[in-house]
């Protein structure tokens, strides 16, 4: 049997700690850069308010753009505006037809 060279545990643990410290330093720097970019670019004009998964690859999202909110249907190949409205107003149609019409009421005999 051959004797394997002894592992220098101190050197290995020191190297591991150095790598972890570098990763944490880079994470801290990226957070600071992001905060500085947001401060210099002003407030965001577009914000994702909420998403709802309606299928395996389909979602509905509520997006705020300025003072308007837009309801967006998303699939892997298409984004469709389903409706939009001012933040304090009523809904405005995006050109889509109503999903269902009310059934006509017939008098009972």
N, C-alpha and C. Protein backbone atom coordinates (compact mmCIF):
# COMPACT_ATOMS: atom_id res chain seq x y z
N UNK A 1 0.82 -1.18 0.00
CA UNK A 1 0.00 0.00 0.00
C UNK A 1 0.87 1.24 0.00
N UNK A 2 0.36 2.21 -0.68
CA UNK A 2 1.10 3.47 -0.72
C UNK A 2 0.50 4.43 0.28
N UNK A 3 1.34 5.22 0.85
CA UNK A 3 0.87 6.22 1.79
C UNK A 3 0.44 7.46 1.01
N UNK A 4 -0.81 7.86 1.21
CA UNK A 4 -1.31 9.08 0.57
C UNK A 4 -0.74 10.27 1.32
N UNK A 5 -0.44 11.34 0.59
CA UNK A 5 0.10 12.51 1.29
C UNK A 5 -0.96 13.08 2.24
N UNK A 6 -0.54 13.53 3.39
CA UNK A 6 -1.50 14.08 4.35
C UNK A 6 -2.18 15.34 3.78
N UNK A 7 -3.46 15.43 4.08
CA UNK A 7 -4.22 16.59 3.59
C UNK A 7 -3.95 17.74 4.54
N UNK A 8 -3.66 18.86 3.94
CA UNK A 8 -3.40 20.06 4.72
C UNK A 8 -4.74 20.71 5.04
N UNK A 9 -5.36 20.31 6.16
CA UNK A 9 -6.70 20.79 6.53
C UNK A 9 -6.72 22.29 6.76
N UNK A 10 -5.71 22.83 7.29
CA UNK A 10 -5.68 24.26 7.56
C UNK A 10 -5.71 25.05 6.25
N UNK A 11 -4.93 24.62 5.27
CA UNK A 11 -4.90 25.32 3.99
C UNK A 11 -6.25 25.17 3.26
N UNK A 12 -6.84 23.97 3.32
CA UNK A 12 -8.12 23.76 2.63
C UNK A 12 -9.24 24.58 3.28
N UNK A 13 -9.30 24.58 4.61
CA UNK A 13 -10.35 25.36 5.27
C UNK A 13 -10.14 26.85 5.07
N UNK A 14 -8.91 27.29 5.04
CA UNK A 14 -8.62 28.71 4.76
C UNK A 14 -9.05 29.10 3.36
N UNK A 15 -8.79 28.23 2.39
CA UNK A 15 -9.21 28.50 1.02
C UNK A 15 -10.74 28.54 0.91
N UNK A 16 -11.41 27.62 1.59
CA UNK A 16 -12.87 27.60 1.57
C UNK A 16 -13.44 28.89 2.19
N UNK A 17 -12.90 29.31 3.31
CA UNK A 17 -13.34 30.55 3.94
C UNK A 17 -13.09 31.76 3.04
N UNK A 18 -11.97 31.77 2.32
CA UNK A 18 -11.68 32.86 1.40
C UNK A 18 -12.70 32.90 0.27
N UNK A 19 -13.05 31.76 -0.29
CA UNK A 19 -14.04 31.72 -1.37
C UNK A 19 -15.40 32.19 -0.88
N UNK A 20 -15.81 31.74 0.31
CA UNK A 20 -17.10 32.17 0.87
C UNK A 20 -17.09 33.67 1.13
N UNK A 21 -15.99 34.19 1.66
CA UNK A 21 -15.89 35.64 1.90
C UNK A 21 -15.98 36.42 0.59
N UNK A 22 -15.34 35.92 -0.47
CA UNK A 22 -15.42 36.60 -1.77
C UNK A 22 -16.84 36.58 -2.32
N UNK A 23 -17.54 35.46 -2.18
CA UNK A 23 -18.93 35.38 -2.64
C UNK A 23 -19.83 36.35 -1.88
N UNK A 24 -19.66 36.41 -0.57
CA UNK A 24 -20.46 37.34 0.23
C UNK A 24 -20.14 38.79 -0.12
N UNK A 25 -18.87 39.08 -0.38
CA UNK A 25 -18.49 40.43 -0.79
C UNK A 25 -19.09 40.82 -2.13
N UNK A 26 -19.12 39.90 -3.07
CA UNK A 26 -19.72 40.17 -4.38
C UNK A 26 -21.23 40.38 -4.24
N UNK A 27 -21.90 39.59 -3.40
CA UNK A 27 -23.33 39.76 -3.17
C UNK A 27 -23.63 41.13 -2.58
N UNK A 28 -22.85 41.54 -1.61
CA UNK A 28 -23.02 42.86 -0.99
C UNK A 28 -22.82 43.96 -2.02
N UNK A 29 -21.80 43.82 -2.88
CA UNK A 29 -21.52 44.84 -3.89
C UNK A 29 -22.65 44.91 -4.93
N UNK A 30 -23.20 43.77 -5.33
CA UNK A 30 -24.30 43.78 -6.30
C UNK A 30 -25.54 44.45 -5.72
N UNK A 31 -25.82 44.22 -4.44
CA UNK A 31 -26.96 44.88 -3.81
C UNK A 31 -26.76 46.38 -3.77
N UNK A 32 -25.57 46.82 -3.46
CA UNK A 32 -25.30 48.26 -3.42
C UNK A 32 -25.40 48.88 -4.81
N UNK A 33 -24.90 48.18 -5.83
CA UNK A 33 -25.00 48.71 -7.19
C UNK A 33 -26.45 48.82 -7.63
N UNK A 34 -27.27 47.84 -7.29
CA UNK A 34 -28.69 47.88 -7.64
C UNK A 34 -29.36 49.06 -6.95
N UNK A 35 -29.07 49.27 -5.67
CA UNK A 35 -29.66 50.39 -4.94
C UNK A 35 -29.21 51.72 -5.54
N UNK A 36 -27.96 51.82 -5.96
CA UNK A 36 -27.47 53.07 -6.56
C UNK A 36 -28.13 53.31 -7.91
N UNK A 37 -28.35 52.27 -8.71
CA UNK A 37 -29.02 52.42 -10.00
C UNK A 37 -30.45 52.90 -9.81
N UNK A 38 -31.17 52.34 -8.84
CA UNK A 38 -32.55 52.75 -8.58
C UNK A 38 -32.60 54.19 -8.11
N UNK A 39 -31.62 54.61 -7.31
CA UNK A 39 -31.61 55.97 -6.80
C UNK A 39 -31.37 56.96 -7.94
N UNK A 40 -30.49 56.63 -8.88
CA UNK A 40 -30.15 57.54 -9.97
C UNK A 40 -31.19 57.52 -11.09
N UNK A 41 -31.89 56.41 -11.27
CA UNK A 41 -32.84 56.33 -12.37
C UNK A 41 -34.22 56.83 -11.99
N UNK A 42 -34.48 57.10 -10.72
CA UNK A 42 -35.77 57.59 -10.28
C UNK A 42 -36.73 56.46 -10.00
N UNK A 43 -37.97 56.81 -9.72
CA UNK A 43 -38.95 55.76 -9.40
C UNK A 43 -39.28 54.92 -10.61
N UNK A 44 -39.62 53.68 -10.38
CA UNK A 44 -39.96 52.76 -11.46
C UNK A 44 -41.32 53.12 -12.03
N UNK A 45 -41.46 53.02 -13.34
CA UNK A 45 -42.72 53.31 -14.01
C UNK A 45 -43.58 52.07 -14.19
N UNK A 46 -42.98 50.89 -14.10
CA UNK A 46 -43.72 49.65 -14.31
C UNK A 46 -43.45 48.72 -13.13
N UNK A 47 -44.54 48.11 -12.62
CA UNK A 47 -44.41 47.24 -11.46
C UNK A 47 -45.36 46.05 -11.62
N UNK A 48 -44.86 44.87 -11.33
CA UNK A 48 -45.67 43.66 -11.36
C UNK A 48 -46.39 43.57 -10.02
N UNK A 49 -47.72 43.73 -10.06
CA UNK A 49 -48.50 43.75 -8.83
C UNK A 49 -48.78 42.33 -8.33
N UNK A 50 -49.23 41.45 -9.24
CA UNK A 50 -49.60 40.10 -8.83
C UNK A 50 -49.66 39.20 -10.05
N UNK A 51 -49.39 37.90 -9.85
CA UNK A 51 -49.55 36.91 -10.91
C UNK A 51 -50.39 35.76 -10.39
N UNK A 52 -51.09 35.12 -11.33
CA UNK A 52 -51.92 33.97 -11.00
C UNK A 52 -51.72 32.92 -12.07
N UNK A 53 -51.33 31.73 -11.67
CA UNK A 53 -51.15 30.63 -12.61
C UNK A 53 -52.51 30.01 -12.89
N UNK A 54 -52.88 29.95 -14.18
CA UNK A 54 -54.18 29.39 -14.56
C UNK A 54 -54.02 28.09 -15.32
N UNK A 55 -52.82 27.66 -15.55
CA UNK A 55 -52.54 26.41 -16.23
C UNK A 55 -51.08 26.07 -16.08
N UNK A 56 -50.68 25.02 -16.77
CA UNK A 56 -49.29 24.59 -16.66
C UNK A 56 -48.35 25.67 -17.19
N UNK A 57 -48.69 26.28 -18.31
CA UNK A 57 -47.81 27.29 -18.90
C UNK A 57 -48.55 28.59 -19.18
N UNK A 58 -49.65 28.84 -18.49
CA UNK A 58 -50.42 30.06 -18.68
C UNK A 58 -50.52 30.80 -17.35
N UNK A 59 -50.42 32.12 -17.45
CA UNK A 59 -50.51 32.98 -16.27
C UNK A 59 -51.32 34.22 -16.61
N UNK A 60 -51.87 34.80 -15.58
CA UNK A 60 -52.50 36.11 -15.67
C UNK A 60 -51.72 37.02 -14.74
N UNK A 61 -51.37 38.21 -15.21
CA UNK A 61 -50.58 39.14 -14.40
C UNK A 61 -51.26 40.49 -14.36
N UNK A 62 -51.18 41.13 -13.21
CA UNK A 62 -51.65 42.50 -13.04
C UNK A 62 -50.41 43.38 -12.97
N UNK A 63 -50.30 44.31 -13.92
CA UNK A 63 -49.12 45.15 -14.05
C UNK A 63 -49.54 46.61 -13.90
N UNK A 64 -48.80 47.36 -13.08
CA UNK A 64 -49.05 48.80 -12.95
C UNK A 64 -48.06 49.53 -13.83
N UNK A 65 -48.59 50.37 -14.73
CA UNK A 65 -47.75 51.17 -15.61
C UNK A 65 -48.16 52.62 -15.38
N UNK A 66 -47.33 53.38 -14.68
CA UNK A 66 -47.68 54.74 -14.35
C UNK A 66 -48.89 54.74 -13.43
N UNK A 67 -49.99 55.40 -13.87
CA UNK A 67 -51.21 55.45 -13.07
C UNK A 67 -52.25 54.47 -13.58
N UNK A 68 -51.89 53.58 -14.50
CA UNK A 68 -52.83 52.60 -15.05
C UNK A 68 -52.45 51.20 -14.60
N UNK A 69 -53.46 50.35 -14.52
CA UNK A 69 -53.24 48.94 -14.25
C UNK A 69 -53.68 48.16 -15.48
N UNK A 70 -52.89 47.17 -15.87
CA UNK A 70 -53.18 46.37 -17.06
C UNK A 70 -53.20 44.91 -16.65
N UNK A 71 -54.26 44.20 -17.06
CA UNK A 71 -54.36 42.77 -16.83
C UNK A 71 -53.85 42.08 -18.08
N UNK A 72 -52.84 41.23 -17.93
CA UNK A 72 -52.14 40.62 -19.07
C UNK A 72 -52.24 39.11 -18.97
N UNK A 73 -52.64 38.47 -20.07
CA UNK A 73 -52.60 37.02 -20.18
C UNK A 73 -51.29 36.60 -20.82
N UNK A 74 -50.61 35.62 -20.22
CA UNK A 74 -49.29 35.23 -20.71
C UNK A 74 -49.25 33.75 -21.01
N UNK A 75 -48.74 33.41 -22.18
CA UNK A 75 -48.43 32.04 -22.57
C UNK A 75 -46.98 32.03 -23.04
N UNK A 76 -46.40 30.87 -23.29
CA UNK A 76 -45.00 30.87 -23.74
C UNK A 76 -44.78 31.64 -25.04
N UNK A 77 -45.78 31.74 -25.89
CA UNK A 77 -45.57 32.41 -27.18
C UNK A 77 -46.28 33.72 -27.36
N UNK A 78 -47.02 34.20 -26.33
CA UNK A 78 -47.83 35.39 -26.55
C UNK A 78 -48.17 36.08 -25.23
N UNK A 79 -48.24 37.41 -25.29
CA UNK A 79 -48.75 38.23 -24.20
C UNK A 79 -49.96 38.96 -24.75
N UNK A 80 -51.09 38.96 -24.02
CA UNK A 80 -52.31 39.60 -24.49
C UNK A 80 -52.85 40.50 -23.39
N UNK A 81 -53.12 41.77 -23.73
CA UNK A 81 -53.74 42.68 -22.78
C UNK A 81 -55.21 42.32 -22.68
N UNK A 82 -55.65 41.91 -21.50
CA UNK A 82 -57.04 41.49 -21.30
C UNK A 82 -57.93 42.67 -20.89
N UNK A 83 -57.36 43.67 -20.28
CA UNK A 83 -58.11 44.85 -19.86
C UNK A 83 -57.19 45.83 -19.18
N UNK A 84 -57.63 47.08 -19.10
CA UNK A 84 -56.83 48.09 -18.41
C UNK A 84 -57.75 49.12 -17.80
N UNK A 85 -57.29 49.78 -16.74
CA UNK A 85 -58.08 50.80 -16.08
C UNK A 85 -57.15 51.70 -15.29
N UNK A 86 -57.65 52.91 -15.00
CA UNK A 86 -56.92 53.82 -14.12
C UNK A 86 -56.97 53.25 -12.72
N UNK A 87 -56.04 53.65 -11.88
CA UNK A 87 -55.97 53.06 -10.55
C UNK A 87 -57.21 53.34 -9.72
N UNK A 88 -57.95 54.40 -10.01
CA UNK A 88 -59.14 54.69 -9.24
C UNK A 88 -60.42 54.57 -10.03
N UNK A 89 -60.35 54.09 -11.28
CA UNK A 89 -61.52 54.11 -12.14
C UNK A 89 -62.05 52.73 -12.46
N UNK A 90 -62.94 52.70 -13.43
CA UNK A 90 -63.55 51.44 -13.84
C UNK A 90 -62.78 50.83 -14.99
N UNK A 91 -63.07 49.59 -15.30
CA UNK A 91 -62.34 48.83 -16.32
C UNK A 91 -62.61 49.39 -17.71
N UNK A 92 -61.59 49.33 -18.56
CA UNK A 92 -61.69 49.71 -19.96
C UNK A 92 -61.38 48.47 -20.77
N UNK A 93 -62.20 48.14 -21.72
CA UNK A 93 -62.01 46.92 -22.49
C UNK A 93 -60.77 47.03 -23.37
N UNK A 94 -60.10 45.93 -23.58
CA UNK A 94 -58.93 45.90 -24.45
C UNK A 94 -59.31 45.38 -25.83
N UNK A 95 -60.58 45.46 -26.20
CA UNK A 95 -60.99 45.01 -27.52
C UNK A 95 -61.43 43.57 -27.57
N UNK A 96 -61.46 42.90 -26.45
CA UNK A 96 -61.85 41.50 -26.43
C UNK A 96 -63.36 41.40 -26.28
N UNK A 97 -63.93 40.40 -26.90
CA UNK A 97 -65.37 40.17 -26.80
C UNK A 97 -65.69 39.59 -25.44
N UNK A 98 -66.93 39.80 -24.96
CA UNK A 98 -67.28 39.20 -23.66
C UNK A 98 -67.20 37.69 -23.73
N UNK A 99 -66.87 37.09 -22.62
CA UNK A 99 -66.70 35.64 -22.57
C UNK A 99 -68.04 34.94 -22.72
N UNK A 100 -69.10 35.44 -22.07
CA UNK A 100 -70.40 34.78 -22.12
C UNK A 100 -71.51 35.81 -22.15
N UNK A 101 -72.60 35.50 -22.82
CA UNK A 101 -73.78 36.35 -22.85
C UNK A 101 -74.78 35.78 -21.86
N UNK A 102 -75.60 36.65 -21.23
CA UNK A 102 -76.61 36.11 -20.33
C UNK A 102 -77.68 35.34 -21.11
N UNK A 103 -78.18 34.29 -20.49
CA UNK A 103 -79.22 33.49 -21.13
C UNK A 103 -80.54 34.26 -21.14
N UNK A 104 -81.32 34.15 -22.23
CA UNK A 104 -82.61 34.84 -22.24
C UNK A 104 -83.56 34.20 -21.25
N UNK A 105 -84.36 35.01 -20.59
CA UNK A 105 -85.32 34.53 -19.62
C UNK A 105 -86.64 34.21 -20.31
N UNK A 106 -87.09 32.99 -20.21
CA UNK A 106 -88.38 32.60 -20.77
C UNK A 106 -89.38 32.42 -19.64
N UNK A 107 -90.61 32.86 -19.84
CA UNK A 107 -91.60 32.68 -18.77
C UNK A 107 -91.91 31.21 -18.57
N UNK A 108 -92.13 30.84 -17.34
CA UNK A 108 -92.50 29.46 -17.02
C UNK A 108 -93.99 29.24 -17.30
N UNK A 109 -94.40 28.05 -17.81
CA UNK A 109 -95.83 27.81 -18.09
C UNK A 109 -96.67 27.67 -16.85
